[in-house]
C-alpha cells in the first residue's frame, strides 16, 4: 500500500557514496518518470526491499531519487520495470463534485417518509389499527435485548423515530448538510443507501456492545455514518489511500462527534461512534468503485435509492408483523 506524505523506506549498506547510482536512469524509457512522486517512491523502495537490493532515497525539488549500488543498479531497474509491467496504471475516474438529477426526488421522498413517521409517532393515534404514538416507539426502537434476540429490523426502524420535534429537526438540518455533500460525490442513491446502511450497522454494533435493556431512537447514528462515509470518500485518490487528504474530513468528523455527539445525558455516544465507524468502510468501498467505474448513472442511482427506501419499508413491515 502506498502511503503518501511519508518518507519511503530505505536500506543502507557499507557502499561508499560514490558507488551509488540513480536507478531511474537505468530504467527503460517507458518506465521513466519526469518526477517520482511520494506514492511511486514508496512502491519502488518496497520492491527493492522485498528483493533484498540495497538502496537509498533522497528528495529535492525534482521529487524523489532512488539510489542503488552501481554493481546492482541494473538489477534494481529490472525489478522495478517488472513490477510496473505487472501493475499497470488503471484507468481512474476522479471523484469530482457534481449534482445528479435524481437527488431532489429521492431526497425529498426519504425526508418526507421520515417526517410522516415522526408526525405519526408524536401526534397521530391510529385507533383503527390499534396503534398509538407510544406503540410506534415500542415496535421500532433500537432495543438492544430484542435486536440481539433476532429483531434486526429495529436497527433500521429506530432511524425513523425521534424523541421530540427538536431531536428530529437537529438531525434533519445537520444530517441534511452532510448527506447533500455525500450526494454530490457519490450520487444521491448511493449516498442514501450508505446513510441507511451505516445507521443500521451502527445500531447493531451499539446493541451488541451495550446489551441489556439499552433503548435508543433517532437518525443521528446514520448522520454520523454519513460523516464517516464522506471522510472515507475523500481518502480515496487515484486508487490509493492518501492519508494527508484523509486527515481533514476525518478530523472534522471526530470534532463533530465531540461537539454534537457527546452532549446531554440522553445522547447515545456509542451509536454516534459506531455509526461513524460503519460509514468509513462504506465510503471507502464506494470511492474505490467510483475510481474504477465512475459515478453510477442515473438509472443505478434510482435502484440504489429504492433499495435504501425498501430496506426501511421492509423493516417496518417486519416490525408491525411482530
C-alpha atoms as a PDB file:
ATOM      1  CA  UNK A   1       0.000   0.000   0.000  1.00  0.00           C
ATOM      2  CA  UNK A   2       1.340   3.398  -0.906  1.00  0.00           C
ATOM      3  CA  UNK A   3       1.449   5.917   1.886  1.00  0.00           C
ATOM      4  CA  UNK A   4       1.664   9.488   0.691  1.00  0.00           C
ATOM      5  CA  UNK A   5       3.455  12.072   2.766  1.00  0.00           C
ATOM      6  CA  UNK A   6       5.903   9.734   4.499  1.00  0.00           C
ATOM      7  CA  UNK A   7       9.491   9.082   3.542  1.00  0.00           C
ATOM      8  CA  UNK A   8       9.720   5.771   1.691  1.00  0.00           C
ATOM      9  CA  UNK A   9      11.685   3.010   3.408  1.00  0.00           C
ATOM     10  CA  UNK A  10      15.378   2.864   2.578  1.00  0.00           C
ATOM     11  CA  UNK A  11      18.148   0.404   3.262  1.00  0.00           C
ATOM     12  CA  UNK A  12      21.765   1.325   3.701  1.00  0.00           C
ATOM     13  CA  UNK A  13      24.948  -0.614   3.262  1.00  0.00           C
ATOM     14  CA  UNK A  14      28.668  -0.211   3.525  1.00  0.00           C
ATOM     15  CA  UNK A  15      28.988   1.089  -0.054  1.00  0.00           C
ATOM     16  CA  UNK A  16      30.643   4.490  -0.306  1.00  0.00           C
ATOM     17  CA  UNK A  17      28.580   7.408  -1.568  1.00  0.00           C
ATOM     18  CA  UNK A  18      30.419   7.464  -4.917  1.00  0.00           C
ATOM     19  CA  UNK A  19      29.308   3.878  -5.636  1.00  0.00           C
ATOM     20  CA  UNK A  20      25.574   4.697  -5.663  1.00  0.00           C
ATOM     21  CA  UNK A  21      23.649   5.481  -8.843  1.00  0.00           C
ATOM     22  CA  UNK A  22      20.133   6.724  -9.649  1.00  0.00           C
ATOM     23  CA  UNK A  23      18.026   3.715 -10.573  1.00  0.00           C
ATOM     24  CA  UNK A  24      15.626   5.714 -12.744  1.00  0.00           C
ATOM     25  CA  UNK A  25      18.435   6.455 -15.207  1.00  0.00           C
ATOM     26  CA  UNK A  26      18.770   2.721 -15.888  1.00  0.00           C
ATOM     27  CA  UNK A  27      15.048   2.160 -16.484  1.00  0.00           C
ATOM     28  CA  UNK A  28      13.679   1.591 -19.995  1.00  0.00           C
ATOM     29  CA  UNK A  29      12.214   4.771 -21.475  1.00  0.00           C
ATOM     30  CA  UNK A  30       8.594   3.654 -20.992  1.00  0.00           C
ATOM     31  CA  UNK A  31       9.080   3.376 -17.228  1.00  0.00           C
ATOM     32  CA  UNK A  32      10.980   6.590 -16.621  1.00  0.00           C
ATOM     33  CA  UNK A  33       9.173   9.358 -14.765  1.00  0.00           C
ATOM     34  CA  UNK A  34       9.705  13.089 -15.198  1.00  0.00           C
ATOM     35  CA  UNK A  35       9.152  13.278 -11.458  1.00  0.00           C
ATOM     36  CA  UNK A  36       8.955  10.452  -8.944  1.00  0.00           C
ATOM     37  CA  UNK A  37       6.128  11.277  -6.532  1.00  0.00           C
ATOM     38  CA  UNK A  38       5.596  10.029  -2.988  1.00  0.00           C
ATOM     39  CA  UNK A  39       3.450   7.038  -3.967  1.00  0.00           C
ATOM     40  CA  UNK A  40       5.818   5.833  -6.689  1.00  0.00           C
ATOM     41  CA  UNK A  41       8.869   6.184  -4.447  1.00  0.00           C
ATOM     42  CA  UNK A  42       7.133   4.196  -1.725  1.00  0.00           C
ATOM     43  CA  UNK A  43       6.192   1.394  -4.128  1.00  0.00           C
ATOM     44  CA  UNK A  44       9.601   1.169  -5.773  1.00  0.00           C
ATOM     45  CA  UNK A  45      11.515   1.069  -2.495  1.00  0.00           C
ATOM     46  CA  UNK A  46       9.228  -1.680  -1.213  1.00  0.00           C
ATOM     47  CA  UNK A  47      10.023  -3.657  -4.370  1.00  0.00           C
ATOM     48  CA  UNK A  48      13.762  -3.270  -3.791  1.00  0.00           C
ATOM     49  CA  UNK A  49      13.387  -4.117  -0.120  1.00  0.00           C
ATOM     50  CA  UNK A  50      11.445  -7.276  -0.979  1.00  0.00           C
ATOM     51  CA  UNK A  51      14.197  -8.322  -3.400  1.00  0.00           C
ATOM     52  CA  UNK A  52      16.878  -7.508  -0.807  1.00  0.00           C
ATOM     53  CA  UNK A  53      18.580  -4.954  -3.026  1.00  0.00           C
ATOM     54  CA  UNK A  54      20.374  -2.237  -1.025  1.00  0.00           C
ATOM     55  CA  UNK A  55      19.018   1.225  -1.780  1.00  0.00           C
ATOM     56  CA  UNK A  56      18.843   4.763  -0.560  1.00  0.00           C
ATOM     57  CA  UNK A  57      16.407   7.619  -1.129  1.00  0.00           C
ATOM     58  CA  UNK A  58      16.825  11.360  -1.405  1.00  0.00           C
ATOM     59  CA  UNK A  59      14.396  14.158  -2.067  1.00  0.00           C
ATOM     60  CA  UNK A  60      14.734  17.594  -3.649  1.00  0.00           C
ATOM     61  CA  UNK A  61      12.669  19.994  -5.736  1.00  0.00           C
ATOM     62  CA  UNK A  62      12.628  17.458  -8.572  1.00  0.00           C
ATOM     63  CA  UNK A  63      10.994  14.789  -6.413  1.00  0.00           C
ATOM     64  CA  UNK A  64      12.334  11.510  -5.055  1.00  0.00           C
ATOM     65  CA  UNK A  65      15.515   9.789  -6.198  1.00  0.00           C
ATOM     66  CA  UNK A  66      16.033   6.051  -5.697  1.00  0.00           C
ATOM     67  CA  UNK A  67      19.718   5.087  -5.469  1.00  0.00           C
ATOM     68  CA  UNK A  68      21.286   1.631  -5.635  1.00  0.00           C
ATOM     69  CA  UNK A  69      24.890   0.393  -5.644  1.00  0.00           C
ATOM     70  CA  UNK A  70      26.346   0.702  -9.124  1.00  0.00           C
ATOM     71  CA  UNK A  71      27.024  -3.030  -9.181  1.00  0.00           C
ATOM     72  CA  UNK A  72      23.309  -3.732  -8.703  1.00  0.00           C
ATOM     73  CA  UNK A  73      21.618  -0.755 -10.340  1.00  0.00           C
ATOM     74  CA  UNK A  74      20.736  -2.785 -13.458  1.00  0.00           C
ATOM     75  CA  UNK A  75      19.170  -5.473 -11.292  1.00  0.00           C
ATOM     76  CA  UNK A  76      17.215  -2.826  -9.355  1.00  0.00           C
ATOM     77  CA  UNK A  77      15.979  -1.262 -12.595  1.00  0.00           C
ATOM     78  CA  UNK A  78      14.925  -4.675 -13.913  1.00  0.00           C
ATOM     79  CA  UNK A  79      12.916  -5.430 -10.739  1.00  0.00           C
ATOM     80  CA  UNK A  80      11.162  -2.057 -10.875  1.00  0.00           C
ATOM     81  CA  UNK A  81      10.386  -2.479 -14.577  1.00  0.00           C
ATOM     82  CA  UNK A  82       8.960  -5.939 -13.872  1.00  0.00           C
ATOM     83  CA  UNK A  83       6.812  -4.508 -11.099  1.00  0.00           C
ATOM     84  CA  UNK A  84       5.489  -1.744 -13.360  1.00  0.00           C
ATOM     85  CA  UNK A  85       4.738  -4.289 -16.083  1.00  0.00           C
ATOM     86  CA  UNK A  86       2.733  -6.437 -13.668  1.00  0.00           C
ATOM     87  CA  UNK A  87       0.953  -3.437 -12.137  1.00  0.00           C
ATOM     88  CA  UNK A  88      -0.004  -1.091 -14.972  1.00  0.00           C
ATOM     89  CA  UNK A  89      -1.806   2.124 -14.024  1.00  0.00           C
ATOM     90  CA  UNK A  90      -5.543   1.526 -14.036  1.00  0.00           C
ATOM     91  CA  UNK A  91      -7.970   3.804 -15.722  1.00  0.00           C
ATOM     92  CA  UNK A  92      -9.232   6.061 -12.969  1.00  0.00           C
ATOM     93  CA  UNK A  93     -12.281   8.264 -12.700  1.00  0.00           C
ATOM     94  CA  UNK A  94     -11.501  11.167 -10.368  1.00  0.00           C
ATOM     95  CA  UNK A  95     -14.068  11.923  -7.727  1.00  0.00           C
ATOM     96  CA  UNK A  96     -15.290  15.411  -8.556  1.00  0.00           C
ATOM     97  CA  UNK A  97     -18.318  17.157  -7.039  1.00  0.00           C
ATOM     98  CA  UNK A  98     -21.331  17.096  -9.318  1.00  0.00           C
ATOM     99  CA  UNK A  99     -25.079  17.269  -8.881  1.00  0.00           C
ATOM    100  CA  UNK A 100     -27.195  14.373 -10.071  1.00  0.00           C
ATOM    101  CA  UNK A 101     -30.678  14.770 -11.414  1.00  0.00           C
ATOM    102  CA  UNK A 102     -32.167  12.135  -9.109  1.00  0.00           C
ATOM    103  CA  UNK A 103     -31.016  13.948  -5.976  1.00  0.00           C
ATOM    104  CA  UNK A 104     -34.073  16.146  -5.440  1.00  0.00           C
ATOM    105  CA  UNK A 105     -36.724  13.449  -5.905  1.00  0.00           C
ATOM    106  CA  UNK A 106     -35.030  10.781  -3.826  1.00  0.00           C
ATOM    107  CA  UNK A 107     -34.024  13.212  -1.112  1.00  0.00           C
ATOM    108  CA  UNK A 108     -37.487  14.696  -0.798  1.00  0.00           C
ATOM    109  CA  UNK A 109     -39.119  11.254  -0.790  1.00  0.00           C
ATOM    110  CA  UNK A 110     -36.944   9.939   2.017  1.00  0.00           C
ATOM    111  CA  UNK A 111     -37.209  13.079   4.138  1.00  0.00           C
ATOM    112  CA  UNK A 112     -40.995  13.113   3.690  1.00  0.00           C
ATOM    113  CA  UNK A 113     -41.163   9.469   4.761  1.00  0.00           C
ATOM    114  CA  UNK A 114     -39.179  10.226   7.910  1.00  0.00           C
ATOM    115  CA  UNK A 115     -41.327  13.285   8.602  1.00  0.00           C
ATOM    116  CA  UNK A 116     -44.543  11.274   8.181  1.00  0.00           C
ATOM    117  CA  UNK A 117     -43.409   8.581  10.614  1.00  0.00           C
ATOM    118  CA  UNK A 118     -42.271  11.186  13.109  1.00  0.00           C
ATOM    119  CA  UNK A 119     -45.578  13.035  12.820  1.00  0.00           C
ATOM    120  CA  UNK A 120     -47.496   9.790  13.397  1.00  0.00           C
ATOM    121  CA  UNK A 121     -45.354   8.968  16.428  1.00  0.00           C
ATOM    122  CA  UNK A 122     -45.890  12.303  18.095  1.00  0.00           C
ATOM    123  CA  UNK A 123     -49.376  13.449  17.170  1.00  0.00           C
ATOM    124  CA  UNK A 124     -51.481  10.884  15.331  1.00  0.00           C
ATOM    125  CA  UNK A 125     -53.073   7.939  17.113  1.00  0.00           C
ATOM    126  CA  UNK A 126     -54.383   5.322  14.683  1.00  0.00           C
ATOM    127  CA  UNK A 127     -57.141   3.574  16.638  1.00  0.00           C
ATOM    128  CA  UNK A 128     -58.405   1.690  13.605  1.00  0.00           C
ATOM    129  CA  UNK A 129     -55.011  -0.059  13.524  1.00  0.00           C
ATOM    130  CA  UNK A 130     -54.802  -0.129  17.317  1.00  0.00           C
ATOM    131  CA  UNK A 131     -51.647   1.950  17.022  1.00  0.00           C
ATOM    132  CA  UNK A 132     -50.820   4.918  19.241  1.00  0.00           C
ATOM    133  CA  UNK A 133     -47.694   7.094  19.443  1.00  0.00           C
ATOM    134  CA  UNK A 134     -46.149   5.005  22.190  1.00  0.00           C
ATOM    135  CA  UNK A 135     -46.742   1.853  20.124  1.00  0.00           C
ATOM    136  CA  UNK A 136     -44.529   3.059  17.289  1.00  0.00           C
ATOM    137  CA  UNK A 137     -41.673   3.521  19.714  1.00  0.00           C
ATOM    138  CA  UNK A 138     -42.379   0.167  21.348  1.00  0.00           C
ATOM    139  CA  UNK A 139     -42.351  -1.599  17.983  1.00  0.00           C
ATOM    140  CA  UNK A 140     -39.481   0.258  16.310  1.00  0.00           C
ATOM    141  CA  UNK A 141     -36.999   1.500  18.916  1.00  0.00           C
ATOM    142  CA  UNK A 142     -33.495   0.053  18.922  1.00  0.00           C
ATOM    143  CA  UNK A 143     -33.997  -2.177  21.934  1.00  0.00           C
ATOM    144  CA  UNK A 144     -30.649  -3.937  22.383  1.00  0.00           C
ATOM    145  CA  UNK A 145     -32.107  -7.024  24.035  1.00  0.00           C
ATOM    146  CA  UNK A 146     -34.654  -7.547  21.254  1.00  0.00           C
ATOM    147  CA  UNK A 147     -32.156  -6.818  18.491  1.00  0.00           C
ATOM    148  CA  UNK A 148     -29.801  -9.428  19.891  1.00  0.00           C
ATOM    149  CA  UNK A 149     -32.695 -11.892  20.095  1.00  0.00           C
ATOM    150  CA  UNK A 150     -33.201 -11.628  16.332  1.00  0.00           C
ATOM    151  CA  UNK A 151     -35.245  -8.479  15.667  1.00  0.00           C
ATOM    152  CA  UNK A 152     -32.551  -6.912  13.464  1.00  0.00           C
ATOM    153  CA  UNK A 153     -35.070  -4.630  11.743  1.00  0.00           C
ATOM    154  CA  UNK A 154     -35.155  -2.433  14.837  1.00  0.00           C
ATOM    155  CA  UNK A 155     -31.695  -1.167  13.868  1.00  0.00           C
ATOM    156  CA  UNK A 156     -33.399   0.409  10.822  1.00  0.00           C
ATOM    157  CA  UNK A 157     -36.808   1.405  12.182  1.00  0.00           C
ATOM    158  CA  UNK A 158     -35.175   3.281  15.050  1.00  0.00           C
ATOM    159  CA  UNK A 159     -33.603   5.632  12.494  1.00  0.00           C
ATOM    160  CA  UNK A 160     -37.070   6.935  11.593  1.00  0.00           C
ATOM    161  CA  UNK A 161     -38.147   7.626  15.177  1.00  0.00           C
ATOM    162  CA  UNK A 162     -37.296  10.699  17.234  1.00  0.00           C
ATOM    163  CA  UNK A 163     -37.842  11.657  20.835  1.00  0.00           C
ATOM    164  CA  UNK A 164     -39.299  15.102  20.101  1.00  0.00           C
ATOM    165  CA  UNK A 165     -39.513  17.767  17.363  1.00  0.00           C
ATOM    166  CA  UNK A 166     -36.193  19.317  18.403  1.00  0.00           C
ATOM    167  CA  UNK A 167     -34.463  15.950  18.099  1.00  0.00           C
ATOM    168  CA  UNK A 168     -35.914  15.460  14.620  1.00  0.00           C
ATOM    169  CA  UNK A 169     -35.106  18.989  13.466  1.00  0.00           C
ATOM    170  CA  UNK A 170     -31.497  18.737  14.634  1.00  0.00           C
ATOM    171  CA  UNK A 171     -30.918  15.515  12.734  1.00  0.00           C
ATOM    172  CA  UNK A 172     -32.702  16.839   9.651  1.00  0.00           C
ATOM    173  CA  UNK A 173     -30.632  20.031   9.479  1.00  0.00           C
ATOM    174  CA  UNK A 174     -27.205  18.620  10.355  1.00  0.00           C
ATOM    175  CA  UNK A 175     -27.769  15.354   8.535  1.00  0.00           C
ATOM    176  CA  UNK A 176     -29.126  17.161   5.502  1.00  0.00           C
ATOM    177  CA  UNK A 177     -25.890  19.098   5.114  1.00  0.00           C
ATOM    178  CA  UNK A 178     -23.657  16.030   5.196  1.00  0.00           C
ATOM    179  CA  UNK A 179     -25.953  13.870   3.084  1.00  0.00           C
ATOM    180  CA  UNK A 180     -26.141  16.622   0.460  1.00  0.00           C
ATOM    181  CA  UNK A 181     -22.333  16.726   0.345  1.00  0.00           C
ATOM    182  CA  UNK A 182     -22.232  12.947   0.065  1.00  0.00           C
ATOM    183  CA  UNK A 183     -24.784  13.053  -2.757  1.00  0.00           C
ATOM    184  CA  UNK A 184     -22.547  15.423  -4.697  1.00  0.00           C
ATOM    185  CA  UNK A 185     -19.625  12.997  -4.793  1.00  0.00           C
ATOM    186  CA  UNK A 186     -21.309   9.588  -4.874  1.00  0.00           C
ATOM    187  CA  UNK A 187     -24.717  10.272  -6.388  1.00  0.00           C
ATOM    188  CA  UNK A 188     -27.961  10.535  -4.450  1.00  0.00           C
ATOM    189  CA  UNK A 189     -28.995   6.876  -4.484  1.00  0.00           C
ATOM    190  CA  UNK A 190     -25.590   5.661  -3.314  1.00  0.00           C
ATOM    191  CA  UNK A 191     -25.495   8.351  -0.638  1.00  0.00           C
ATOM    192  CA  UNK A 192     -28.883   7.444   0.827  1.00  0.00           C
ATOM    193  CA  UNK A 193     -28.074   3.745   0.777  1.00  0.00           C
ATOM    194  CA  UNK A 194     -24.829   4.405   2.681  1.00  0.00           C
ATOM    195  CA  UNK A 195     -26.818   6.605   5.073  1.00  0.00           C
ATOM    196  CA  UNK A 196     -29.283   3.821   5.898  1.00  0.00           C
ATOM    197  CA  UNK A 197     -26.707   1.015   5.973  1.00  0.00           C
ATOM    198  CA  UNK A 198     -24.307   2.922   8.235  1.00  0.00           C
ATOM    199  CA  UNK A 199     -27.153   3.714  10.615  1.00  0.00           C
ATOM    200  CA  UNK A 200     -28.247   0.082  10.626  1.00  0.00           C
ATOM    201  CA  UNK A 201     -24.730  -1.255  11.194  1.00  0.00           C
ATOM    202  CA  UNK A 202     -24.052   1.366  13.849  1.00  0.00           C
ATOM    203  CA  UNK A 203     -27.197   0.414  15.777  1.00  0.00           C
ATOM    204  CA  UNK A 204     -26.386  -3.287  15.507  1.00  0.00           C
ATOM    205  CA  UNK A 205     -22.867  -2.723  16.829  1.00  0.00           C
ATOM    206  CA  UNK A 206     -24.172  -0.479  19.601  1.00  0.00           C
ATOM    207  CA  UNK A 207     -26.731  -3.099  20.653  1.00  0.00           C
ATOM    208  CA  UNK A 208     -24.025  -5.753  20.753  1.00  0.00           C
ATOM    209  CA  UNK A 209     -21.755  -3.551  22.860  1.00  0.00           C
ATOM    210  CA  UNK A 210     -24.392  -2.117  25.197  1.00  0.00           C
ATOM    211  CA  UNK A 211     -26.617  -5.163  25.561  1.00  0.00           C
ATOM    212  CA  UNK A 212     -29.208  -5.439  28.275  1.00  0.00           C
ATOM    213  CA  UNK A 213     -32.123  -3.044  28.196  1.00  0.00           C
ATOM    214  CA  UNK A 214     -30.481  -0.240  26.243  1.00  0.00           C
ATOM    215  CA  UNK A 215     -33.026   1.537  24.046  1.00  0.00           C
ATOM    216  CA  UNK A 216     -32.443   4.352  21.553  1.00  0.00           C
ATOM    217  CA  UNK A 217     -34.182   6.180  18.720  1.00  0.00           C
ATOM    218  CA  UNK A 218     -33.090   8.731  16.143  1.00  0.00           C
ATOM    219  CA  UNK A 219     -31.304   9.136  12.830  1.00  0.00           C
ATOM    220  CA  UNK A 220     -28.137  10.554  14.383  1.00  0.00           C
ATOM    221  CA  UNK A 221     -26.422   7.153  14.047  1.00  0.00           C
ATOM    222  CA  UNK A 222     -26.905   7.416  10.277  1.00  0.00           C
ATOM    223  CA  UNK A 223     -25.940  11.106  10.305  1.00  0.00           C
ATOM    224  CA  UNK A 224     -22.554  10.238  11.770  1.00  0.00           C
ATOM    225  CA  UNK A 225     -22.376   7.361   9.308  1.00  0.00           C
ATOM    226  CA  UNK A 226     -22.701   9.908   6.501  1.00  0.00           C
ATOM    227  CA  UNK A 227     -19.868  11.918   8.079  1.00  0.00           C
ATOM    228  CA  UNK A 228     -17.668   8.817   8.166  1.00  0.00           C
ATOM    229  CA  UNK A 229     -18.556   7.865   4.585  1.00  0.00           C
ATOM    230  CA  UNK A 230     -17.796  11.377   3.359  1.00  0.00           C
ATOM    231  CA  UNK A 231     -14.437  11.303   5.122  1.00  0.00           C
ATOM    232  CA  UNK A 232     -13.563   7.911   3.668  1.00  0.00           C
ATOM    233  CA  UNK A 233     -14.532   9.003   0.161  1.00  0.00           C
ATOM    234  CA  UNK A 234     -12.042  11.852   0.399  1.00  0.00           C
ATOM    235  CA  UNK A 235      -9.341   9.355   1.411  1.00  0.00           C
ATOM    236  CA  UNK A 236      -9.535   7.677  -1.953  1.00  0.00           C
ATOM    237  CA  UNK A 237      -7.297   9.321  -4.528  1.00  0.00           C
ATOM    238  CA  UNK A 238      -6.294   7.725  -7.802  1.00  0.00           C
ATOM    239  CA  UNK A 239      -6.915   4.260  -6.403  1.00  0.00           C
ATOM    240  CA  UNK A 240      -4.655   4.773  -3.354  1.00  0.00           C
ATOM    241  CA  UNK A 241      -5.257   5.807   0.214  1.00  0.00           C
ATOM    242  CA  UNK A 242      -3.917   9.330   0.616  1.00  0.00           C
ATOM    243  CA  UNK A 243      -3.618   9.804   4.360  1.00  0.00           C
ATOM    244  CA  UNK A 244      -2.843  13.500   4.150  1.00  0.00           C
ATOM    245  CA  UNK A 245      -6.076  14.233   2.329  1.00  0.00           C
ATOM    246  CA  UNK A 246      -7.929  11.887   4.681  1.00  0.00           C
ATOM    247  CA  UNK A 247      -6.879  13.785   7.783  1.00  0.00           C
ATOM    248  CA  UNK A 248      -9.076  16.849   7.267  1.00  0.00           C
ATOM    249  CA  UNK A 249     -12.530  15.236   6.855  1.00  0.00           C
ATOM    250  CA  UNK A 250     -11.894  12.504   9.410  1.00  0.00           C
ATOM    251  CA  UNK A 251     -10.679  15.033  11.979  1.00  0.00           C
ATOM    252  CA  UNK A 252     -13.692  17.194  11.152  1.00  0.00           C
ATOM    253  CA  UNK A 253     -15.967  14.206  11.723  1.00  0.00           C
ATOM    254  CA  UNK A 254     -14.341  13.435  15.050  1.00  0.00           C
ATOM    255  CA  UNK A 255     -14.653  17.093  16.017  1.00  0.00           C
ATOM    256  CA  UNK A 256     -18.352  16.965  15.160  1.00  0.00           C
ATOM    257  CA  UNK A 257     -18.658  13.791  17.199  1.00  0.00           C
ATOM    258  CA  UNK A 258     -17.032  15.593  20.110  1.00  0.00           C
ATOM    259  CA  UNK A 259     -19.186  18.701  19.831  1.00  0.00           C
ATOM    260  CA  UNK A 260     -22.569  17.200  18.981  1.00  0.00           C
ATOM    261  CA  UNK A 261     -22.259  13.524  19.764  1.00  0.00           C
ATOM    262  CA  UNK A 262     -21.337  13.622  23.445  1.00  0.00           C
ATOM    263  CA  UNK A 263     -23.531  16.324  24.888  1.00  0.00           C
ATOM    264  CA  UNK A 264     -26.525  15.740  27.087  1.00  0.00           C
ATOM    265  CA  UNK A 265     -27.486  12.822  29.264  1.00  0.00           C
ATOM    266  CA  UNK A 266     -29.834  11.486  26.549  1.00  0.00           C
ATOM    267  CA  UNK A 267     -27.103  11.438  23.906  1.00  0.00           C
ATOM    268  CA  UNK A 268     -26.137   7.951  22.765  1.00  0.00           C
ATOM    269  CA  UNK A 269     -22.381   8.313  22.268  1.00  0.00           C
ATOM    270  CA  UNK A 270     -21.972   4.648  21.334  1.00  0.00           C
ATOM    271  CA  UNK A 271     -24.498   4.885  18.500  1.00  0.00           C
ATOM    272  CA  UNK A 272     -22.786   8.010  17.161  1.00  0.00           C
ATOM    273  CA  UNK A 273     -19.337   6.451  17.327  1.00  0.00           C
ATOM    274  CA  UNK A 274     -20.400   3.149  15.739  1.00  0.00           C
ATOM    275  CA  UNK A 275     -22.334   4.979  13.040  1.00  0.00           C
ATOM    276  CA  UNK A 276     -19.228   6.986  12.167  1.00  0.00           C
ATOM    277  CA  UNK A 277     -17.094   3.832  12.115  1.00  0.00           C
ATOM    278  CA  UNK A 278     -19.632   1.997   9.943  1.00  0.00           C
ATOM    279  CA  UNK A 279     -19.582   4.829   7.438  1.00  0.00           C
ATOM    280  CA  UNK A 280     -15.822   4.585   6.902  1.00  0.00           C
ATOM    281  CA  UNK A 281     -15.668   1.219   5.056  1.00  0.00           C
ATOM    282  CA  UNK A 282     -18.863   2.014   3.148  1.00  0.00           C
ATOM    283  CA  UNK A 283     -17.452   5.304   1.912  1.00  0.00           C
ATOM    284  CA  UNK A 284     -14.055   3.789   1.119  1.00  0.00           C
ATOM    285  CA  UNK A 285     -15.647   0.963  -0.881  1.00  0.00           C
ATOM    286  CA  UNK A 286     -17.866   3.386  -2.761  1.00  0.00           C
ATOM    287  CA  UNK A 287     -14.879   5.581  -3.533  1.00  0.00           C
ATOM    288  CA  UNK A 288     -12.892   2.657  -4.901  1.00  0.00           C
ATOM    289  CA  UNK A 289     -15.759   1.691  -7.194  1.00  0.00           C
ATOM    290  CA  UNK A 290     -16.155   5.268  -8.396  1.00  0.00           C
ATOM    291  CA  UNK A 291     -12.455   5.490  -9.188  1.00  0.00           C
ATOM    292  CA  UNK A 292     -12.634   2.401 -11.409  1.00  0.00           C
ATOM    293  CA  UNK A 293     -16.129   2.669 -12.913  1.00  0.00           C
ATOM    294  CA  UNK A 294     -17.117   6.288 -12.368  1.00  0.00           C
ATOM    295  CA  UNK A 295     -20.142   7.651 -10.501  1.00  0.00           C
ATOM    296  CA  UNK A 296     -23.145   5.349 -11.061  1.00  0.00           C
ATOM    297  CA  UNK A 297     -25.530   6.517 -13.768  1.00  0.00           C
ATOM    298  CA  UNK A 298     -28.978   7.884 -13.025  1.00  0.00           C
ATOM    299  CA  UNK A 299     -30.702   4.529 -13.502  1.00  0.00           C
ATOM    300  CA  UNK A 300     -28.407   2.872 -10.968  1.00  0.00           C
ATOM    301  CA  UNK A 301     -28.843   5.791  -8.576  1.00  0.00           C
ATOM    302  CA  UNK A 302     -32.584   5.201  -8.609  1.00  0.00           C
ATOM    303  CA  UNK A 303     -32.069   1.489  -7.952  1.00  0.00           C
ATOM    304  CA  UNK A 304     -29.777   2.246  -5.005  1.00  0.00           C
ATOM    305  CA  UNK A 305     -32.219   4.819  -3.664  1.00  0.00           C
ATOM    306  CA  UNK A 306     -35.103   2.380  -3.926  1.00  0.00           C
ATOM    307  CA  UNK A 307     -33.019  -0.218  -2.075  1.00  0.00           C
ATOM    308  CA  UNK A 308     -32.486   2.285   0.742  1.00  0.00           C
ATOM    309  CA  UNK A 309     -36.182   3.098   0.961  1.00  0.00           C
ATOM    310  CA  UNK A 310     -37.074  -0.569   0.530  1.00  0.00           C
ATOM    311  CA  UNK A 311     -34.929  -1.525   3.494  1.00  0.00           C
ATOM    312  CA  UNK A 312     -36.869   0.934   5.653  1.00  0.00           C
ATOM    313  CA  UNK A 313     -40.235  -0.319   4.366  1.00  0.00           C
ATOM    314  CA  UNK A 314     -39.229  -3.954   4.880  1.00  0.00           C
ATOM    315  CA  UNK A 315     -38.048  -3.243   8.401  1.00  0.00           C
ATOM    316  CA  UNK A 316     -41.294  -1.530   9.370  1.00  0.00           C
ATOM    317  CA  UNK A 317     -43.301  -4.333   7.754  1.00  0.00           C
ATOM    318  CA  UNK A 318     -41.476  -6.868   9.921  1.00  0.00           C
ATOM    319  CA  UNK A 319     -41.888  -4.645  12.975  1.00  0.00           C
ATOM    320  CA  UNK A 320     -45.635  -4.340  12.513  1.00  0.00           C
ATOM    321  CA  UNK A 321     -45.965  -8.047  11.763  1.00  0.00           C
ATOM    322  CA  UNK A 322     -44.264  -8.929  15.029  1.00  0.00           C
END
